[in-house]
Amino acid sequence: KNRDWENYKLRLANQAPFLNRMNVKYYPSPIINWKKNDSLHI
């Protein structure tokens, strides 16, 4: 009941800074609007 694709894909997009910092060569799926510039998460 707490899982929803539309909400999840936004949260997944914001994992990019962590994955990049850890040098993970992930597949940049075109269905995700990957975060490029970080903010305060506020």
All heavy atoms as atom14 arrays in JSON, in Angstrom:
{
  "sequence": "KNRDWENYKLRLANQAPFLNRMNVKYYPSPIINWKKNDSLHI",
  "atom14_mask": [
    [1, 1, 1, 1, 1, 1, 1, 1, 1, 0, 0, 0, 0, 0],
    [1, 1, 1, 1, 1, 1, 1, 1, 0, 0, 0, 0, 0, 0],
    [1, 1, 1, 1, 1, 1, 1, 1, 1, 1, 1, 0, 0, 0],
    [1, 1, 1, 1, 1, 1, 1, 1, 0, 0, 0, 0, 0, 0],
    [1, 1, 1, 1, 1, 1, 1, 1, 1, 1, 1, 1, 1, 1],
    [1, 1, 1, 1, 1, 1, 1, 1, 1, 0, 0, 0, 0, 0],
    [1, 1, 1, 1, 1, 1, 1, 1, 0, 0, 0, 0, 0, 0],
    [1, 1, 1, 1, 1, 1, 1, 1, 1, 1, 1, 1, 0, 0],
    [1, 1, 1, 1, 1, 1, 1, 1, 1, 0, 0, 0, 0, 0],
    [1, 1, 1, 1, 1, 1, 1, 1, 0, 0, 0, 0, 0, 0],
    [1, 1, 1, 1, 1, 1, 1, 1, 1, 1, 1, 0, 0, 0],
    [1, 1, 1, 1, 1, 1, 1, 1, 0, 0, 0, 0, 0, 0],
    [1, 1, 1, 1, 1, 0, 0, 0, 0, 0, 0, 0, 0, 0],
    [1, 1, 1, 1, 1, 1, 1, 1, 0, 0, 0, 0, 0, 0],
    [1, 1, 1, 1, 1, 1, 1, 1, 1, 0, 0, 0, 0, 0],
    [1, 1, 1, 1, 1, 0, 0, 0, 0, 0, 0, 0, 0, 0],
    [1, 1, 1, 1, 1, 1, 1, 0, 0, 0, 0, 0, 0, 0],
    [1, 1, 1, 1, 1, 1, 1, 1, 1, 1, 1, 0, 0, 0],
    [1, 1, 1, 1, 1, 1, 1, 1, 0, 0, 0, 0, 0, 0],
    [1, 1, 1, 1, 1, 1, 1, 1, 0, 0, 0, 0, 0, 0],
    [1, 1, 1, 1, 1, 1, 1, 1, 1, 1, 1, 0, 0, 0],
    [1, 1, 1, 1, 1, 1, 1, 1, 0, 0, 0, 0, 0, 0],
    [1, 1, 1, 1, 1, 1, 1, 1, 0, 0, 0, 0, 0, 0],
    [1, 1, 1, 1, 1, 1, 1, 0, 0, 0, 0, 0, 0, 0],
    [1, 1, 1, 1, 1, 1, 1, 1, 1, 0, 0, 0, 0, 0],
    [1, 1, 1, 1, 1, 1, 1, 1, 1, 1, 1, 1, 0, 0],
    [1, 1, 1, 1, 1, 1, 1, 1, 1, 1, 1, 1, 0, 0],
    [1, 1, 1, 1, 1, 1, 1, 0, 0, 0, 0, 0, 0, 0],
    [1, 1, 1, 1, 1, 1, 0, 0, 0, 0, 0, 0, 0, 0],
    [1, 1, 1, 1, 1, 1, 1, 0, 0, 0, 0, 0, 0, 0],
    [1, 1, 1, 1, 1, 1, 1, 1, 0, 0, 0, 0, 0, 0],
    [1, 1, 1, 1, 1, 1, 1, 1, 0, 0, 0, 0, 0, 0],
    [1, 1, 1, 1, 1, 1, 1, 1, 0, 0, 0, 0, 0, 0],
    [1, 1, 1, 1, 1, 1, 1, 1, 1, 1, 1, 1, 1, 1],
    [1, 1, 1, 1, 1, 1, 1, 1, 1, 0, 0, 0, 0, 0],
    [1, 1, 1, 1, 1, 1, 1, 1, 1, 0, 0, 0, 0, 0],
    [1, 1, 1, 1, 1, 1, 1, 1, 0, 0, 0, 0, 0, 0],
    [1, 1, 1, 1, 1, 1, 1, 1, 0, 0, 0, 0, 0, 0],
    [1, 1, 1, 1, 1, 1, 0, 0, 0, 0, 0, 0, 0, 0],
    [1, 1, 1, 1, 1, 1, 1, 1, 0, 0, 0, 0, 0, 0],
    [1, 1, 1, 1, 1, 1, 1, 1, 1, 1, 0, 0, 0, 0],
    [1, 1, 1, 1, 1, 1, 1, 1, 0, 0, 0, 0, 0, 0]
  ],
  "atom14_positions": [
    [[0.82, -1.22, 0.0], [0.0, 0.0, 0.0], [0.85, 1.27, 0.0], [0.38, 2.34, -0.39], [-0.95, 0.02, 1.2], [-0.29, 0.22, 2.55], [-1.33, 0.31, 3.66], [-0.67, 0.59, 5.02], [-1.67, 0.73, 6.1], [0.0, 0.0, 0.0], [0.0, 0.0, 0.0], [0.0, 0.0, 0.0], [0.0, 0.0, 0.0], [0.0, 0.0, 0.0]],
    [[2.11, 1.16, 0.41], [3.01, 2.32, 0.43], [3.85, 2.43, -0.85], [4.66, 3.36, -0.96], [3.95, 2.26, 1.64], [3.29, 2.75, 2.91], [2.17, 3.26, 2.87], [3.96, 2.6, 4.03], [0.0, 0.0, 0.0], [0.0, 0.0, 0.0], [0.0, 0.0, 0.0], [0.0, 0.0, 0.0], [0.0, 0.0, 0.0], [0.0, 0.0, 0.0]],
    [[3.67, 1.5, -1.76], [4.47, 1.52, -2.98], [3.65, 2.05, -4.16], [2.51, 1.65, -4.36], [5.03, 0.14, -3.3], [6.06, -0.34, -2.31], [6.89, -1.49, -2.82], [6.1, -2.66, -3.15], [5.86, -3.09, -4.38], [6.35, -2.43, -5.42], [5.12, -4.16, -4.6], [0.0, 0.0, 0.0], [0.0, 0.0, 0.0], [0.0, 0.0, 0.0]],
    [[4.26, 2.95, -4.91], [3.6, 3.54, -6.07], [4.68, 3.93, -7.07], [5.64, 4.63, -6.73], [2.8, 4.78, -5.63], [2.26, 5.56, -6.81], [1.29, 5.1, -7.43], [2.83, 6.64, -7.12], [0.0, 0.0, 0.0], [0.0, 0.0, 0.0], [0.0, 0.0, 0.0], [0.0, 0.0, 0.0], [0.0, 0.0, 0.0], [0.0, 0.0, 0.0]],
    [[4.53, 3.47, -8.32], [5.57, 3.7, -9.31], [5.82, 5.19, -9.55], [6.98, 5.62, -9.63], [5.21, 3.01, -10.62], [6.03, 3.5, -11.78], [5.62, 4.27, -12.83], [7.45, 3.31, -11.97], [6.67, 4.55, -13.67], [7.81, 3.97, -13.16], [8.43, 2.64, -11.25], [9.11, 3.98, -13.66], [9.74, 2.64, -11.74], [10.07, 3.31, -12.93]],
    [[4.78, 5.99, -9.68], [4.96, 7.41, -9.98], [5.75, 8.11, -8.89], [6.6, 8.96, -9.16], [3.59, 8.09, -10.18], [2.84, 7.6, -11.4], [3.61, 7.82, -12.71], [4.27, 8.88, -12.84], [3.56, 6.94, -13.59], [0.0, 0.0, 0.0], [0.0, 0.0, 0.0], [0.0, 0.0, 0.0], [0.0, 0.0, 0.0], [0.0, 0.0, 0.0]],
    [[5.49, 7.74, -7.63], [6.24, 8.32, -6.52], [7.66, 7.75, -6.46], [8.63, 8.48, -6.24], [5.51, 8.06, -5.2], [6.3, 8.52, -3.99], [6.99, 7.73, -3.35], [6.21, 9.8, -3.68], [0.0, 0.0, 0.0], [0.0, 0.0, 0.0], [0.0, 0.0, 0.0], [0.0, 0.0, 0.0], [0.0, 0.0, 0.0], [0.0, 0.0, 0.0]],
    [[7.77, 6.44, -6.69], [9.08, 5.8, -6.62], [10.05, 6.35, -7.66], [11.22, 6.58, -7.36], [8.93, 4.28, -6.8], [10.26, 3.58, -6.96], [11.1, 3.38, -5.87], [10.69, 3.13, -8.21], [12.33, 2.74, -6.01], [11.91, 2.5, -8.36], [12.73, 2.31, -7.26], [13.94, 1.7, -7.42], [0.0, 0.0, 0.0], [0.0, 0.0, 0.0]],
    [[9.58, 6.58, -8.87], [10.51, 7.01, -9.92], [11.07, 8.4, -9.63], [12.2, 8.71, -10.04], [9.85, 6.96, -11.29], [8.81, 8.01, -11.59], [8.29, 7.85, -13.02], [7.33, 8.95, -13.4], [6.82, 8.79, -14.78], [0.0, 0.0, 0.0], [0.0, 0.0, 0.0], [0.0, 0.0, 0.0], [0.0, 0.0, 0.0], [0.0, 0.0, 0.0]],
    [[10.35, 9.23, -8.88], [10.87, 10.53, -8.46], [11.97, 10.34, -7.41], [13.01, 11.0, -7.45], [9.75, 11.4, -7.89], [8.63, 11.77, -8.88], [7.54, 12.56, -8.14], [9.18, 12.58, -10.04], [0.0, 0.0, 0.0], [0.0, 0.0, 0.0], [0.0, 0.0, 0.0], [0.0, 0.0, 0.0], [0.0, 0.0, 0.0], [0.0, 0.0, 0.0]],
    [[11.71, 9.43, -6.47], [12.72, 9.16, -5.45], [13.95, 8.48, -6.06], [15.09, 8.76, -5.65], [12.12, 8.28, -4.33], [11.1, 9.03, -3.48], [10.5, 8.17, -2.37], [9.55, 7.2, -2.89], [9.64, 5.89, -2.74], [10.66, 5.35, -2.09], [8.71, 5.09, -3.24], [0.0, 0.0, 0.0], [0.0, 0.0, 0.0], [0.0, 0.0, 0.0]],
    [[13.72, 7.59, -7.02], [14.84, 6.93, -7.69], [15.7, 7.95, -8.43], [16.94, 7.87, -8.41], [14.33, 5.87, -8.65], [15.39, 5.1, -9.43], [16.33, 4.35, -8.49], [14.74, 4.13, -10.42], [0.0, 0.0, 0.0], [0.0, 0.0, 0.0], [0.0, 0.0, 0.0], [0.0, 0.0, 0.0], [0.0, 0.0, 0.0], [0.0, 0.0, 0.0]],
    [[15.07, 8.91, -9.09], [15.82, 9.94, -9.83], [16.79, 10.67, -8.93], [17.89, 11.06, -9.35], [14.84, 10.93, -10.47], [0.0, 0.0, 0.0], [0.0, 0.0, 0.0], [0.0, 0.0, 0.0], [0.0, 0.0, 0.0], [0.0, 0.0, 0.0], [0.0, 0.0, 0.0], [0.0, 0.0, 0.0], [0.0, 0.0, 0.0], [0.0, 0.0, 0.0]],
    [[16.42, 10.82, -7.66], [17.25, 11.55, -6.71], [18.34, 10.69, -6.07], [19.07, 11.16, -5.2], [16.37, 12.17, -5.63], [15.69, 13.43, -6.1], [16.25, 14.52, -6.05], [14.47, 13.29, -6.61], [0.0, 0.0, 0.0], [0.0, 0.0, 0.0], [0.0, 0.0, 0.0], [0.0, 0.0, 0.0], [0.0, 0.0, 0.0], [0.0, 0.0, 0.0]],
    [[18.45, 9.43, -6.5], [19.56, 8.58, -6.05], [20.82, 8.82, -6.87], [21.9, 8.33, -6.51], [19.17, 7.1, -6.12], [17.93, 6.72, -5.34], [17.96, 7.18, -3.9], [18.9, 6.84, -3.15], [16.95, 7.93, -3.48], [0.0, 0.0, 0.0], [0.0, 0.0, 0.0], [0.0, 0.0, 0.0], [0.0, 0.0, 0.0], [0.0, 0.0, 0.0]],
    [[20.71, 9.54, -7.97], [21.86, 9.75, -8.85], [23.08, 10.34, -8.14], [24.21, 9.88, -8.37], [21.46, 10.61, -10.05], [0.0, 0.0, 0.0], [0.0, 0.0, 0.0], [0.0, 0.0, 0.0], [0.0, 0.0, 0.0], [0.0, 0.0, 0.0], [0.0, 0.0, 0.0], [0.0, 0.0, 0.0], [0.0, 0.0, 0.0], [0.0, 0.0, 0.0]],
    [[22.92, 11.38, -7.29], [24.11, 11.92, -6.62], [24.85, 10.88, -5.77], [26.08, 10.83, -5.78], [23.53, 13.04, -5.75], [22.29, 13.46, -6.46], [21.72, 12.2, -7.03], [0.0, 0.0, 0.0], [0.0, 0.0, 0.0], [0.0, 0.0, 0.0], [0.0, 0.0, 0.0], [0.0, 0.0, 0.0], [0.0, 0.0, 0.0], [0.0, 0.0, 0.0]],
    [[24.1, 10.02, -5.06], [24.75, 8.98, -4.26], [25.46, 7.98, -5.16], [26.62, 7.61, -4.93], [23.72, 8.25, -3.39], [24.24, 7.0, -2.75], [25.14, 7.07, -1.68], [23.87, 5.74, -3.22], [25.64, 5.9, -1.1], [24.36, 4.58, -2.65], [25.25, 4.66, -1.58], [0.0, 0.0, 0.0], [0.0, 0.0, 0.0], [0.0, 0.0, 0.0]],
    [[24.77, 7.5, -6.2], [25.37, 6.52, -7.09], [26.6, 7.09, -7.79], [27.61, 6.39, -7.95], [24.33, 6.06, -8.12], [23.12, 5.31, -7.56], [22.09, 5.06, -8.66], [23.54, 3.99, -6.92], [0.0, 0.0, 0.0], [0.0, 0.0, 0.0], [0.0, 0.0, 0.0], [0.0, 0.0, 0.0], [0.0, 0.0, 0.0], [0.0, 0.0, 0.0]],
    [[26.54, 8.35, -8.17], [27.7, 8.98, -8.81], [28.86, 9.13, -7.82], [30.02, 8.92, -8.17], [27.31, 10.35, -9.37], [26.37, 10.23, -10.56], [26.38, 9.23, -11.26], [25.55, 11.24, -10.77], [0.0, 0.0, 0.0], [0.0, 0.0, 0.0], [0.0, 0.0, 0.0], [0.0, 0.0, 0.0], [0.0, 0.0, 0.0], [0.0, 0.0, 0.0]],
    [[28.53, 9.51, -6.58], [29.58, 9.66, -5.57], [30.27, 8.33, -5.28], [31.47, 8.28, -5.0], [28.98, 10.24, -4.29], [30.02, 10.68, -3.27], [29.41, 11.46, -2.11], [28.6, 10.63, -1.24], [27.28, 10.67, -1.16], [26.6, 11.49, -1.94], [26.62, 9.9, -0.33], [0.0, 0.0, 0.0], [0.0, 0.0, 0.0], [0.0, 0.0, 0.0]],
    [[29.51, 7.23, -5.37], [30.05, 5.9, -5.13], [30.64, 5.29, -6.41], [31.05, 4.13, -6.4], [28.96, 4.98, -4.58], [28.4, 5.43, -3.23], [29.64, 5.44, -1.92], [29.95, 3.7, -1.73], [0.0, 0.0, 0.0], [0.0, 0.0, 0.0], [0.0, 0.0, 0.0], [0.0, 0.0, 0.0], [0.0, 0.0, 0.0], [0.0, 0.0, 0.0]],
    [[30.65, 6.07, -7.49], [31.21, 5.62, -8.77], [30.54, 4.35, -9.27], [31.18, 3.41, -9.76], [32.72, 5.41, -8.65], [33.4, 5.29, -10.01], [32.94, 5.88, -10.99], [34.46, 4.52, -10.08], [0.0, 0.0, 0.0], [0.0, 0.0, 0.0], [0.0, 0.0, 0.0], [0.0, 0.0, 0.0], [0.0, 0.0, 0.0], [0.0, 0.0, 0.0]],
    [[29.21, 4.31, -9.17], [28.43, 3.19, -9.67], [28.04, 3.48, -11.11], [27.42, 4.5, -11.41], [27.16, 2.98, -8.81], [26.27, 1.9, -9.41], [27.55, 2.61, -7.38], [0.0, 0.0, 0.0], [0.0, 0.0, 0.0], [0.0, 0.0, 0.0], [0.0, 0.0, 0.0], [0.0, 0.0, 0.0], [0.0, 0.0, 0.0], [0.0, 0.0, 0.0]],
    [[28.39, 2.57, -12.0], [28.12, 2.76, -13.43], [26.74, 2.21, -13.78], [26.57, 1.24, -14.51], [29.2, 2.07, -14.26], [30.61, 2.5, -13.94], [30.82, 4.0, -14.12], [32.26, 4.41, -13.85], [32.46, 5.87, -13.92], [0.0, 0.0, 0.0], [0.0, 0.0, 0.0], [0.0, 0.0, 0.0], [0.0, 0.0, 0.0], [0.0, 0.0, 0.0]],
    [[25.71, 2.85, -13.23], [24.35, 2.37, -13.4], [23.81, 2.68, -14.8], [24.33, 3.55, -15.5], [23.44, 2.99, -12.34], [23.33, 4.51, -12.42], [22.3, 5.12, -13.12], [24.26, 5.32, -11.77], [22.2, 6.51, -13.19], [24.16, 6.71, -11.82], [23.13, 7.29, -12.54], [23.03, 8.66, -12.61], [0.0, 0.0, 0.0], [0.0, 0.0, 0.0]],
    [[22.76, 1.96, -15.17], [22.1, 2.2, -16.45], [21.18, 3.41, -16.31], [20.22, 3.38, -15.53], [21.3, 0.97, -16.85], [20.33, 1.2, -17.99], [20.79, 1.54, -19.26], [18.96, 1.06, -17.81], [19.9, 1.75, -20.31], [18.06, 1.25, -18.85], [18.55, 1.6, -20.09], [17.67, 1.81, -21.13], [0.0, 0.0, 0.0], [0.0, 0.0, 0.0]],
    [[21.43, 4.5, -17.05], [20.61, 5.71, -16.92], [19.31, 5.58, -17.71], [19.13, 6.19, -18.76], [21.52, 6.8, -17.48], [22.33, 6.09, -18.52], [22.54, 4.68, -18.0], [0.0, 0.0, 0.0], [0.0, 0.0, 0.0], [0.0, 0.0, 0.0], [0.0, 0.0, 0.0], [0.0, 0.0, 0.0], [0.0, 0.0, 0.0], [0.0, 0.0, 0.0]],
    [[18.4, 4.8, -17.2], [17.15, 4.52, -17.9], [16.47, 5.81, -18.36], [16.29, 6.74, -17.57], [16.2, 3.75, -16.97], [14.91, 3.66, -17.54], [0.0, 0.0, 0.0], [0.0, 0.0, 0.0], [0.0, 0.0, 0.0], [0.0, 0.0, 0.0], [0.0, 0.0, 0.0], [0.0, 0.0, 0.0], [0.0, 0.0, 0.0], [0.0, 0.0, 0.0]],
    [[16.06, 5.87, -19.62], [15.42, 7.09, -20.13], [14.04, 7.35, -19.56], [13.51, 8.45, -19.74], [15.36, 6.83, -21.65], [15.38, 5.35, -21.79], [16.24, 4.86, -20.67], [0.0, 0.0, 0.0], [0.0, 0.0, 0.0], [0.0, 0.0, 0.0], [0.0, 0.0, 0.0], [0.0, 0.0, 0.0], [0.0, 0.0, 0.0], [0.0, 0.0, 0.0]],
    [[13.45, 6.38, -18.87], [12.13, 6.62, -18.27], [12.25, 7.29, -16.9], [11.23, 7.59, -16.29], [11.31, 5.32, -18.17], [11.94, 4.33, -17.19], [11.12, 4.69, -19.53], [11.1, 3.08, -16.97], [0.0, 0.0, 0.0], [0.0, 0.0, 0.0], [0.0, 0.0, 0.0], [0.0, 0.0, 0.0], [0.0, 0.0, 0.0], [0.0, 0.0, 0.0]],
    [[13.49, 7.54, -16.45], [13.73, 8.24, -15.19], [14.36, 9.59, -15.49], [15.32, 9.68, -16.26], [14.67, 7.43, -14.27], [14.11, 6.02, -14.02], [14.89, 8.15, -12.94], [12.78, 5.97, -13.33], [0.0, 0.0, 0.0], [0.0, 0.0, 0.0], [0.0, 0.0, 0.0], [0.0, 0.0, 0.0], [0.0, 0.0, 0.0], [0.0, 0.0, 0.0]],
    [[13.83, 10.63, -14.89], [14.38, 11.99, -15.05], [15.48, 12.18, -14.01], [15.28, 12.8, -12.96], [13.28, 13.03, -14.88], [13.77, 14.44, -15.16], [14.8, 14.63, -15.82], [13.05, 15.42, -14.64], [0.0, 0.0, 0.0], [0.0, 0.0, 0.0], [0.0, 0.0, 0.0], [0.0, 0.0, 0.0], [0.0, 0.0, 0.0], [0.0, 0.0, 0.0]],
    [[16.65, 11.63, -14.29], [17.74, 11.58, -13.32], [18.16, 12.97, -12.87], [18.3, 13.89, -13.69], [18.94, 10.85, -13.9], [18.63, 9.42, -14.2], [18.31, 8.88, -15.42], [18.57, 8.34, -13.26], [18.07, 7.53, -15.3], [18.21, 7.17, -13.99], [18.77, 8.24, -11.89], [18.07, 5.92, -13.38], [18.63, 7.01, -11.28], [18.29, 5.87, -12.02]],
    [[18.4, 13.1, -11.57], [18.8, 14.39, -10.99], [20.23, 14.71, -11.39], [21.13, 13.89, -11.2], [18.67, 14.33, -9.47], [18.94, 15.63, -8.8], [18.66, 15.52, -7.32], [18.83, 16.85, -6.66], [18.55, 16.79, -5.23], [0.0, 0.0, 0.0], [0.0, 0.0, 0.0], [0.0, 0.0, 0.0], [0.0, 0.0, 0.0], [0.0, 0.0, 0.0]],
    [[20.46, 15.89, -11.89], [21.79, 16.3, -12.31], [22.45, 17.24, -11.31], [23.62, 17.13, -11.01], [21.73, 16.96, -13.69], [21.35, 16.0, -14.81], [21.34, 16.69, -16.15], [21.11, 15.71, -17.29], [19.81, 15.03, -17.2], [0.0, 0.0, 0.0], [0.0, 0.0, 0.0], [0.0, 0.0, 0.0], [0.0, 0.0, 0.0], [0.0, 0.0, 0.0]],
    [[21.71, 18.2, -10.78], [22.25, 19.17, -9.83], [21.57, 19.0, -8.49], [20.34, 18.96, -8.42], [22.05, 20.6, -10.33], [22.78, 20.85, -11.64], [23.96, 20.53, -11.76], [22.09, 21.4, -12.62], [0.0, 0.0, 0.0], [0.0, 0.0, 0.0], [0.0, 0.0, 0.0], [0.0, 0.0, 0.0], [0.0, 0.0, 0.0], [0.0, 0.0, 0.0]],
    [[22.36, 18.96, -7.43], [21.79, 18.7, -6.11], [21.21, 19.95, -5.49], [21.58, 21.07, -5.8], [22.85, 18.13, -5.16], [22.21, 17.48, -3.95], [21.49, 16.49, -4.14], [22.41, 18.01, -2.85], [0.0, 0.0, 0.0], [0.0, 0.0, 0.0], [0.0, 0.0, 0.0], [0.0, 0.0, 0.0], [0.0, 0.0, 0.0], [0.0, 0.0, 0.0]],
    [[20.28, 19.73, -4.56], [19.69, 20.82, -3.79], [19.71, 20.43, -2.33], [20.27, 19.43, -1.94], [18.26, 21.08, -4.25], [17.44, 19.97, -3.91], [0.0, 0.0, 0.0], [0.0, 0.0, 0.0], [0.0, 0.0, 0.0], [0.0, 0.0, 0.0], [0.0, 0.0, 0.0], [0.0, 0.0, 0.0], [0.0, 0.0, 0.0], [0.0, 0.0, 0.0]],
    [[19.02, 21.22, -1.51], [18.99, 20.93, -0.07], [17.97, 19.86, 0.29], [17.83, 19.53, 1.46], [18.63, 22.22, 0.7], [19.8, 23.14, 1.03], [19.27, 24.42, 1.62], [20.74, 22.47, 2.01], [0.0, 0.0, 0.0], [0.0, 0.0, 0.0], [0.0, 0.0, 0.0], [0.0, 0.0, 0.0], [0.0, 0.0, 0.0], [0.0, 0.0, 0.0]],
    [[17.23, 19.35, -0.68], [16.14, 18.42, -0.41], [15.07, 19.08, 0.47], [14.37, 18.39, 1.19], [16.64, 17.15, 0.3], [17.53, 16.32, -0.55], [17.59, 14.96, -0.44], [18.41, 16.64, -1.52], [18.47, 14.47, -1.29], [18.97, 15.48, -1.95], [0.0, 0.0, 0.0], [0.0, 0.0, 0.0], [0.0, 0.0, 0.0], [0.0, 0.0, 0.0]],
    [[14.98, 20.38, 0.46], [13.97, 21.07, 1.26], [12.78, 21.37, 0.37], [12.91, 22.01, -0.67], [14.53, 22.38, 1.86], [15.63, 22.02, 2.88], [13.45, 23.19, 2.53], [16.32, 23.23, 3.44], [0.0, 0.0, 0.0], [0.0, 0.0, 0.0], [0.0, 0.0, 0.0], [0.0, 0.0, 0.0], [0.0, 0.0, 0.0], [0.0, 0.0, 0.0]]
  ]
}
